[in-house]
Amino acid sequence: MVPKKIAVVTGANRGIGFEITRQLAKKDIQVILTSRNKTKGLIAVQKLHEEEGLEVVFHQLDVTDSISIQALIDFIKKEYERLDILVNNAGIMLDKNDSENASILKTKLDTIRKTMETNTYGPLAICQAFIPLMKKNNYGRIVNISSGMGQLEEMNGNYPGYRLSKVSLNALTKIFADELKEHDILINSMCPGWVRTDMGGPNATRSIEEGAETAVWLATLPSNSPSGGFFRDRNLIPW
């Protein structure tokens, strides 16, 4: 009997992360739903249990806290001894909450630093922590939830903290992909589009289900599939 694949989704108590968790669990993948807030994470897991019968597991995770990351590693090693899928979804957009200073001419460096800590350094630390587990089985699928706002091809003004963090996340994707090319560990970035989440707002053009679909596809790619790419709607897009 082939064991279930084990997946971690960060920042998954709501929005796109929650939907990615739901869709992966429906594919008979054992998903560990993580969130910084324990109460919100447990409520999310309970909802998946009661409403859809999905056996999702919760573990607290703050992607900016090395102790929290280590606690999750220890849990996975003890319970599963492997990790197959990692979705780096946890992210913040502090510029949006400070619209008067959204211009790069006025933005506070502290806003950029805090955004980079979560959106870039967090995924970097998570990848460094969990890729060794993937290497043991020579298998892994890593998905970095990025944004079109991080595309150099279409870079515009405003929201500099968020934009810089996603440009950097895309660079991490390329760097990791090159260093992992000898292994069956694929890492890609994806843009979910403008999605109706707390971050995207009620006027966004896409449903949460649509926003999550490409991430789930990348998380379940067969061997010899692309790595180091940037995708939207399953199509490569420019960096």
C-alpha atoms as a PDB file:
ATOM      1  CA  MET A   1       0.000   0.000   0.000  1.00  0.00           C
ATOM      2  CA  VAL A   2       1.399   3.374  -1.043  1.00  0.00           C
ATOM      3  CA  PRO A   3       1.506   5.726   1.959  1.00  0.00           C
ATOM      4  CA  LYS A   4      -0.357   9.005   1.812  1.00  0.00           C
ATOM      5  CA  LYS A   5       1.641  12.000   0.748  1.00  0.00           C
ATOM      6  CA  ILE A   6       2.272  14.475   3.560  1.00  0.00           C
ATOM      7  CA  ALA A   7       1.745  18.180   2.923  1.00  0.00           C
ATOM      8  CA  VAL A   8       2.259  21.394   4.882  1.00  0.00           C
ATOM      9  CA  VAL A   9       0.376  24.565   3.988  1.00  0.00           C
ATOM     10  CA  THR A  10       1.430  27.732   5.796  1.00  0.00           C
ATOM     11  CA  GLY A  11      -0.998  30.495   6.720  1.00  0.00           C
ATOM     12  CA  ALA A  12      -3.904  28.177   6.020  1.00  0.00           C
ATOM     13  CA  ASN A  13      -6.599  29.106   8.516  1.00  0.00           C
ATOM     14  CA  ARG A  14      -8.428  31.195   5.898  1.00  0.00           C
ATOM     15  CA  GLY A  15      -8.495  32.358   2.293  1.00  0.00           C
ATOM     16  CA  ILE A  16      -6.358  30.739  -0.385  1.00  0.00           C
ATOM     17  CA  GLY A  17      -4.346  28.681   2.105  1.00  0.00           C
ATOM     18  CA  PHE A  18      -7.511  27.173   3.552  1.00  0.00           C
ATOM     19  CA  GLU A  19      -8.804  26.347   0.076  1.00  0.00           C
ATOM     20  CA  ILE A  20      -5.485  24.788  -0.978  1.00  0.00           C
ATOM     21  CA  THR A  21      -5.656  22.638   2.155  1.00  0.00           C
ATOM     22  CA  ARG A  22      -9.212  21.587   1.317  1.00  0.00           C
ATOM     23  CA  GLN A  23      -8.401  20.693  -2.284  1.00  0.00           C
ATOM     24  CA  LEU A  24      -5.269  18.733  -1.352  1.00  0.00           C
ATOM     25  CA  ALA A  25      -7.121  16.821   1.376  1.00  0.00           C
ATOM     26  CA  LYS A  26      -9.779  15.865  -1.165  1.00  0.00           C
ATOM     27  CA  LYS A  27      -6.983  14.200  -3.150  1.00  0.00           C
ATOM     28  CA  ASP A  28      -6.327  11.886  -0.178  1.00  0.00           C
ATOM     29  CA  ILE A  29      -3.228  13.809   0.889  1.00  0.00           C
ATOM     30  CA  GLN A  30      -2.529  14.155   4.601  1.00  0.00           C
ATOM     31  CA  VAL A  31      -2.406  17.918   5.075  1.00  0.00           C
ATOM     32  CA  ILE A  32      -0.965  19.716   8.076  1.00  0.00           C
ATOM     33  CA  LEU A  33      -2.788  23.044   8.228  1.00  0.00           C
ATOM     34  CA  THR A  34      -0.642  25.644   9.921  1.00  0.00           C
ATOM     35  CA  SER A  35      -1.341  29.143  11.156  1.00  0.00           C
ATOM     36  CA  ARG A  36       0.247  31.611  13.522  1.00  0.00           C
ATOM     37  CA  ASN A  37      -2.919  31.842  15.619  1.00  0.00           C
ATOM     38  CA  LYS A  38      -3.667  28.510  17.297  1.00  0.00           C
ATOM     39  CA  THR A  39      -7.364  29.198  17.954  1.00  0.00           C
ATOM     40  CA  LYS A  40      -8.072  30.230  14.357  1.00  0.00           C
ATOM     41  CA  GLY A  41      -6.170  27.222  13.050  1.00  0.00           C
ATOM     42  CA  LEU A  42      -8.105  24.767  15.208  1.00  0.00           C
ATOM     43  CA  ILE A  43     -11.405  26.326  14.107  1.00  0.00           C
ATOM     44  CA  ALA A  44     -10.374  25.924  10.457  1.00  0.00           C
ATOM     45  CA  VAL A  45      -9.493  22.257  10.967  1.00  0.00           C
ATOM     46  CA  GLN A  46     -12.743  21.635  12.818  1.00  0.00           C
ATOM     47  CA  LYS A  47     -14.671  23.161   9.916  1.00  0.00           C
ATOM     48  CA  LEU A  48     -12.999  20.803   7.424  1.00  0.00           C
ATOM     49  CA  HIS A  49     -13.693  17.835   9.726  1.00  0.00           C
ATOM     50  CA  GLU A  50     -17.348  18.600  10.384  1.00  0.00           C
ATOM     51  CA  GLU A  51     -18.453  19.998   7.024  1.00  0.00           C
ATOM     52  CA  GLU A  52     -16.469  17.810   4.634  1.00  0.00           C
ATOM     53  CA  GLY A  53     -15.137  14.881   6.646  1.00  0.00           C
ATOM     54  CA  LEU A  54     -11.528  15.754   5.807  1.00  0.00           C
ATOM     55  CA  GLU A  55      -8.909  14.457   8.238  1.00  0.00           C
ATOM     56  CA  VAL A  56      -6.681  17.516   8.294  1.00  0.00           C
ATOM     57  CA  VAL A  57      -4.183  18.011  11.126  1.00  0.00           C
ATOM     58  CA  PHE A  58      -3.357  21.353  12.752  1.00  0.00           C
ATOM     59  CA  HIS A  59       0.009  22.600  13.962  1.00  0.00           C
ATOM     60  CA  GLN A  60       0.880  26.107  15.043  1.00  0.00           C
ATOM     61  CA  LEU A  61       3.498  27.858  12.916  1.00  0.00           C
ATOM     62  CA  ASP A  62       4.905  31.356  12.864  1.00  0.00           C
ATOM     63  CA  VAL A  63       7.131  31.460   9.767  1.00  0.00           C
ATOM     64  CA  THR A  64       9.219  34.265  11.295  1.00  0.00           C
ATOM     65  CA  ASP A  65      10.043  32.283  14.451  1.00  0.00           C
ATOM     66  CA  SER A  66      12.841  29.705  14.328  1.00  0.00           C
ATOM     67  CA  ILE A  67      11.573  27.964  17.482  1.00  0.00           C
ATOM     68  CA  SER A  68       8.114  27.584  15.944  1.00  0.00           C
ATOM     69  CA  ILE A  69       9.614  26.189  12.730  1.00  0.00           C
ATOM     70  CA  GLN A  70      11.702  23.678  14.678  1.00  0.00           C
ATOM     71  CA  ALA A  71       8.647  22.546  16.645  1.00  0.00           C
ATOM     72  CA  LEU A  72       6.858  21.755  13.387  1.00  0.00           C
ATOM     73  CA  ILE A  73       9.876  19.873  12.040  1.00  0.00           C
ATOM     74  CA  ASP A  74      10.051  17.787  15.214  1.00  0.00           C
ATOM     75  CA  PHE A  75       6.336  17.008  14.971  1.00  0.00           C
ATOM     76  CA  ILE A  76       6.564  15.875  11.337  1.00  0.00           C
ATOM     77  CA  LYS A  77       9.650  13.754  11.949  1.00  0.00           C
ATOM     78  CA  LYS A  78       7.968  12.042  14.881  1.00  0.00           C
ATOM     79  CA  GLU A  79       4.558  11.492  13.287  1.00  0.00           C
ATOM     80  CA  TYR A  80       5.342  10.954   9.597  1.00  0.00           C
ATOM     81  CA  GLU A  81       9.124  10.783   9.066  1.00  0.00           C
ATOM     82  CA  ARG A  82       8.690  12.517   5.704  1.00  0.00           C
ATOM     83  CA  LEU A  83       7.367  15.585   3.912  1.00  0.00           C
ATOM     84  CA  ASP A  84       6.269  15.518   0.291  1.00  0.00           C
ATOM     85  CA  ILE A  85       4.520  18.840  -0.351  1.00  0.00           C
ATOM     86  CA  LEU A  86       5.162  22.329   0.969  1.00  0.00           C
ATOM     87  CA  VAL A  87       2.991  25.322   0.105  1.00  0.00           C
ATOM     88  CA  ASN A  88       4.441  28.632   1.260  1.00  0.00           C
ATOM     89  CA  ASN A  89       1.221  30.602   1.453  1.00  0.00           C
ATOM     90  CA  ALA A  90       1.609  32.717   4.613  1.00  0.00           C
ATOM     91  CA  GLY A  91       1.875  36.355   3.642  1.00  0.00           C
ATOM     92  CA  ILE A  92       1.089  39.908   4.669  1.00  0.00           C
ATOM     93  CA  MET A  93       0.437  43.183   2.829  1.00  0.00           C
ATOM     94  CA  LEU A  94       1.130  45.928   5.322  1.00  0.00           C
ATOM     95  CA  ASP A  95       1.250  48.620   2.611  1.00  0.00           C
ATOM     96  CA  LYS A  96      -2.471  48.149   2.050  1.00  0.00           C
ATOM     97  CA  ASN A  97      -3.215  48.973   5.680  1.00  0.00           C
ATOM     98  CA  ASP A  98      -1.164  52.159   5.455  1.00  0.00           C
ATOM     99  CA  SER A  99      -2.506  53.605   2.205  1.00  0.00           C
ATOM    100  CA  GLU A 100      -1.252  57.117   2.959  1.00  0.00           C
ATOM    101  CA  ASN A 101       2.295  55.754   2.893  1.00  0.00           C
ATOM    102  CA  ALA A 102       1.845  53.207   0.103  1.00  0.00           C
ATOM    103  CA  SER A 103       4.115  55.240  -2.200  1.00  0.00           C
ATOM    104  CA  ILE A 104       7.783  54.312  -2.209  1.00  0.00           C
ATOM    105  CA  LEU A 105       8.439  58.020  -1.683  1.00  0.00           C
ATOM    106  CA  LYS A 106       6.840  57.845   1.759  1.00  0.00           C
ATOM    107  CA  THR A 107       6.876  54.219   2.864  1.00  0.00           C
ATOM    108  CA  LYS A 108       8.535  53.385   6.158  1.00  0.00           C
ATOM    109  CA  LEU A 109      11.540  51.071   6.020  1.00  0.00           C
ATOM    110  CA  ASP A 110      10.090  49.197   8.986  1.00  0.00           C
ATOM    111  CA  THR A 111       7.027  48.323   6.883  1.00  0.00           C
ATOM    112  CA  ILE A 112       9.279  46.857   4.195  1.00  0.00           C
ATOM    113  CA  ARG A 113      11.371  44.955   6.765  1.00  0.00           C
ATOM    114  CA  LYS A 114       8.317  43.397   8.418  1.00  0.00           C
ATOM    115  CA  THR A 115       6.859  42.416   5.056  1.00  0.00           C
ATOM    116  CA  MET A 116      10.112  40.814   3.942  1.00  0.00           C
ATOM    117  CA  GLU A 117      10.342  38.879   7.223  1.00  0.00           C
ATOM    118  CA  THR A 118       7.055  37.096   6.551  1.00  0.00           C
ATOM    119  CA  ASN A 119       6.834  36.988   2.753  1.00  0.00           C
ATOM    120  CA  THR A 120      10.475  36.245   1.860  1.00  0.00           C
ATOM    121  CA  TYR A 121      12.628  35.257   4.827  1.00  0.00           C
ATOM    122  CA  GLY A 122       9.833  33.034   6.168  1.00  0.00           C
ATOM    123  CA  PRO A 123       9.625  30.854   3.030  1.00  0.00           C
ATOM    124  CA  LEU A 124      13.433  30.802   2.865  1.00  0.00           C
ATOM    125  CA  ALA A 125      13.687  29.485   6.433  1.00  0.00           C
ATOM    126  CA  ILE A 126      10.880  26.976   5.855  1.00  0.00           C
ATOM    127  CA  CYS A 127      12.526  25.643   2.700  1.00  0.00           C
ATOM    128  CA  GLN A 128      15.899  25.331   4.411  1.00  0.00           C
ATOM    129  CA  ALA A 129      14.242  23.417   7.231  1.00  0.00           C
ATOM    130  CA  PHE A 130      12.113  21.005   5.219  1.00  0.00           C
ATOM    131  CA  ILE A 131      14.000  20.303   2.004  1.00  0.00           C
ATOM    132  CA  PRO A 132      16.365  17.890   3.840  1.00  0.00           C
ATOM    133  CA  LEU A 133      13.301  15.752   4.664  1.00  0.00           C
ATOM    134  CA  MET A 134      12.342  15.756   0.982  1.00  0.00           C
ATOM    135  CA  LYS A 135      15.858  14.831  -0.063  1.00  0.00           C
ATOM    136  CA  LYS A 136      15.683  11.657   2.052  1.00  0.00           C
ATOM    137  CA  ASN A 137      12.998  10.302  -0.278  1.00  0.00           C
ATOM    138  CA  ASN A 138      14.216  12.182  -3.370  1.00  0.00           C
ATOM    139  CA  TYR A 139      10.742  13.651  -3.766  1.00  0.00           C
ATOM    140  CA  GLY A 140       9.208  17.022  -3.089  1.00  0.00           C
ATOM    141  CA  ARG A 141       6.838  19.615  -4.474  1.00  0.00           C
ATOM    142  CA  ILE A 142       7.190  23.202  -3.240  1.00  0.00           C
ATOM    143  CA  VAL A 143       4.805  25.978  -4.218  1.00  0.00           C
ATOM    144  CA  ASN A 144       5.513  29.613  -3.412  1.00  0.00           C
ATOM    145  CA  ILE A 145       2.386  31.761  -3.472  1.00  0.00           C
ATOM    146  CA  SER A 146       3.584  34.902  -5.191  1.00  0.00           C
ATOM    147  CA  SER A 147       1.799  37.693  -7.051  1.00  0.00           C
ATOM    148  CA  GLY A 148       1.706  39.536 -10.341  1.00  0.00           C
ATOM    149  CA  MET A 149       2.676  42.545  -8.238  1.00  0.00           C
ATOM    150  CA  GLY A 150       6.094  40.909  -8.017  1.00  0.00           C
ATOM    151  CA  GLN A 151       6.569  40.703 -11.783  1.00  0.00           C
ATOM    152  CA  LEU A 152       9.429  42.852 -13.066  1.00  0.00           C
ATOM    153  CA  GLU A 153       7.791  42.584 -16.495  1.00  0.00           C
ATOM    154  CA  GLU A 154       4.794  44.610 -15.306  1.00  0.00           C
ATOM    155  CA  MET A 155       6.201  46.406 -12.270  1.00  0.00           C
ATOM    156  CA  ASN A 156       4.278  49.510 -11.252  1.00  0.00           C
ATOM    157  CA  GLY A 157       4.402  51.936  -8.344  1.00  0.00           C
ATOM    158  CA  ASN A 158       2.863  51.765  -4.853  1.00  0.00           C
ATOM    159  CA  TYR A 159       2.870  48.926  -2.304  1.00  0.00           C
ATOM    160  CA  PRO A 160       6.697  48.692  -2.360  1.00  0.00           C
ATOM    161  CA  GLY A 161       6.993  46.363   0.627  1.00  0.00           C
ATOM    162  CA  TYR A 162       4.672  43.796  -0.885  1.00  0.00           C
ATOM    163  CA  ARG A 163       6.163  44.129  -4.370  1.00  0.00           C
ATOM    164  CA  LEU A 164       9.751  43.803  -3.158  1.00  0.00           C
ATOM    165  CA  SER A 165       8.890  40.770  -1.023  1.00  0.00           C
ATOM    166  CA  LYS A 166       7.294  38.943  -3.954  1.00  0.00           C
ATOM    167  CA  VAL A 167      10.113  39.797  -6.382  1.00  0.00           C
ATOM    168  CA  SER A 168      12.482  38.324  -3.809  1.00  0.00           C
ATOM    169  CA  LEU A 169      10.293  35.259  -3.311  1.00  0.00           C
ATOM    170  CA  ASN A 170      10.424  34.643  -7.059  1.00  0.00           C
ATOM    171  CA  ALA A 171      14.214  34.898  -6.951  1.00  0.00           C
ATOM    172  CA  LEU A 172      14.269  32.295  -4.166  1.00  0.00           C
ATOM    173  CA  THR A 173      12.224  29.997  -6.385  1.00  0.00           C
ATOM    174  CA  LYS A 174      14.826  30.207  -9.147  1.00  0.00           C
ATOM    175  CA  ILE A 175      17.766  29.744  -6.787  1.00  0.00           C
ATOM    176  CA  PHE A 176      16.285  26.704  -5.035  1.00  0.00           C
ATOM    177  CA  ALA A 177      15.191  25.166  -8.346  1.00  0.00           C
ATOM    178  CA  ASP A 178      18.731  25.324  -9.704  1.00  0.00           C
ATOM    179  CA  GLU A 179      20.252  23.786  -6.591  1.00  0.00           C
ATOM    180  CA  LEU A 180      17.638  21.002  -6.544  1.00  0.00           C
ATOM    181  CA  LYS A 181      17.758  20.062 -10.213  1.00  0.00           C
ATOM    182  CA  GLU A 182      19.485  16.762  -9.478  1.00  0.00           C
ATOM    183  CA  HIS A 183      16.563  15.696  -7.294  1.00  0.00           C
ATOM    184  CA  ASP A 184      12.877  15.026  -7.904  1.00  0.00           C
ATOM    185  CA  ILE A 185      12.095  18.136  -5.874  1.00  0.00           C
ATOM    186  CA  LEU A 186      10.225  20.702  -7.936  1.00  0.00           C
ATOM    187  CA  ILE A 187       9.727  24.281  -6.780  1.00  0.00           C
ATOM    188  CA  ASN A 188       7.600  26.868  -8.570  1.00  0.00           C
ATOM    189  CA  SER A 189       5.994  30.242  -7.922  1.00  0.00           C
ATOM    190  CA  MET A 190       2.407  31.012  -8.814  1.00  0.00           C
ATOM    191  CA  CYS A 191       0.146  34.042  -8.988  1.00  0.00           C
ATOM    192  CA  PRO A 192      -3.426  33.314  -7.879  1.00  0.00           C
ATOM    193  CA  GLY A 193      -4.739  36.497  -9.494  1.00  0.00           C
ATOM    194  CA  TRP A 194      -7.004  39.036  -7.821  1.00  0.00           C
ATOM    195  CA  VAL A 195      -8.967  36.835  -5.439  1.00  0.00           C
ATOM    196  CA  ARG A 196     -11.872  37.617  -3.116  1.00  0.00           C
ATOM    197  CA  THR A 197     -10.009  37.161   0.173  1.00  0.00           C
ATOM    198  CA  ASP A 198      -9.430  39.463   3.127  1.00  0.00           C
ATOM    199  CA  MET A 199      -6.349  40.754   1.285  1.00  0.00           C
ATOM    200  CA  GLY A 200      -7.944  40.959  -2.162  1.00  0.00           C
ATOM    201  CA  GLY A 201     -11.213  42.464  -0.978  1.00  0.00           C
ATOM    202  CA  PRO A 202     -14.840  41.867  -2.036  1.00  0.00           C
ATOM    203  CA  ASN A 203     -14.445  43.493  -5.460  1.00  0.00           C
ATOM    204  CA  ALA A 204     -11.799  41.050  -6.667  1.00  0.00           C
ATOM    205  CA  THR A 205     -12.562  39.228  -9.899  1.00  0.00           C
ATOM    206  CA  ARG A 206     -11.726  35.669  -8.898  1.00  0.00           C
ATOM    207  CA  SER A 207     -13.128  33.147  -6.454  1.00  0.00           C
ATOM    208  CA  ILE A 208     -10.966  31.530  -3.801  1.00  0.00           C
ATOM    209  CA  GLU A 209     -11.402  28.183  -5.573  1.00  0.00           C
ATOM    210  CA  GLU A 210      -9.973  29.666  -8.778  1.00  0.00           C
ATOM    211  CA  GLY A 211      -7.110  31.246  -6.874  1.00  0.00           C
ATOM    212  CA  ALA A 212      -6.091  27.950  -5.275  1.00  0.00           C
ATOM    213  CA  GLU A 213      -6.389  25.662  -8.304  1.00  0.00           C
ATOM    214  CA  THR A 214      -2.979  26.289  -9.879  1.00  0.00           C
ATOM    215  CA  ALA A 215      -1.213  25.876  -6.537  1.00  0.00           C
ATOM    216  CA  VAL A 216      -2.815  22.455  -6.084  1.00  0.00           C
ATOM    217  CA  TRP A 217      -1.822  21.505  -9.629  1.00  0.00           C
ATOM    218  CA  LEU A 218       1.805  22.499  -8.969  1.00  0.00           C
ATOM    219  CA  ALA A 219       1.770  20.657  -5.631  1.00  0.00           C
ATOM    220  CA  THR A 220       0.849  17.413  -7.379  1.00  0.00           C
ATOM    221  CA  LEU A 221       2.969  17.598 -10.532  1.00  0.00           C
ATOM    222  CA  PRO A 222       4.376  14.305 -11.844  1.00  0.00           C
ATOM    223  CA  SER A 223       8.115  13.739 -12.124  1.00  0.00           C
ATOM    224  CA  ASN A 224       9.983  15.497 -14.939  1.00  0.00           C
ATOM    225  CA  SER A 225       7.608  18.439 -14.758  1.00  0.00           C
ATOM    226  CA  PRO A 226       8.740  22.093 -14.778  1.00  0.00           C
ATOM    227  CA  SER A 227      10.686  23.566 -11.886  1.00  0.00           C
ATOM    228  CA  GLY A 228      11.763  27.146 -11.338  1.00  0.00           C
ATOM    229  CA  GLY A 229       8.760  28.602 -13.168  1.00  0.00           C
ATOM    230  CA  PHE A 230       6.201  31.319 -12.516  1.00  0.00           C
ATOM    231  CA  PHE A 231       2.609  30.268 -13.252  1.00  0.00           C
ATOM    232  CA  ARG A 232      -0.907  31.635 -13.459  1.00  0.00           C
ATOM    233  CA  ASP A 233      -3.840  29.451 -14.513  1.00  0.00           C
ATOM    234  CA  ARG A 234      -1.381  26.610 -15.196  1.00  0.00           C
ATOM    235  CA  ASN A 235       0.453  28.736 -17.755  1.00  0.00           C
ATOM    236  CA  LEU A 236       3.967  30.112 -17.521  1.00  0.00           C
ATOM    237  CA  ILE A 237       4.080  33.886 -17.123  1.00  0.00           C
ATOM    238  CA  PRO A 238       7.045  36.283 -17.398  1.00  0.00           C
ATOM    239  CA  TRP A 239       9.113  37.085 -14.345  1.00  0.00           C
END
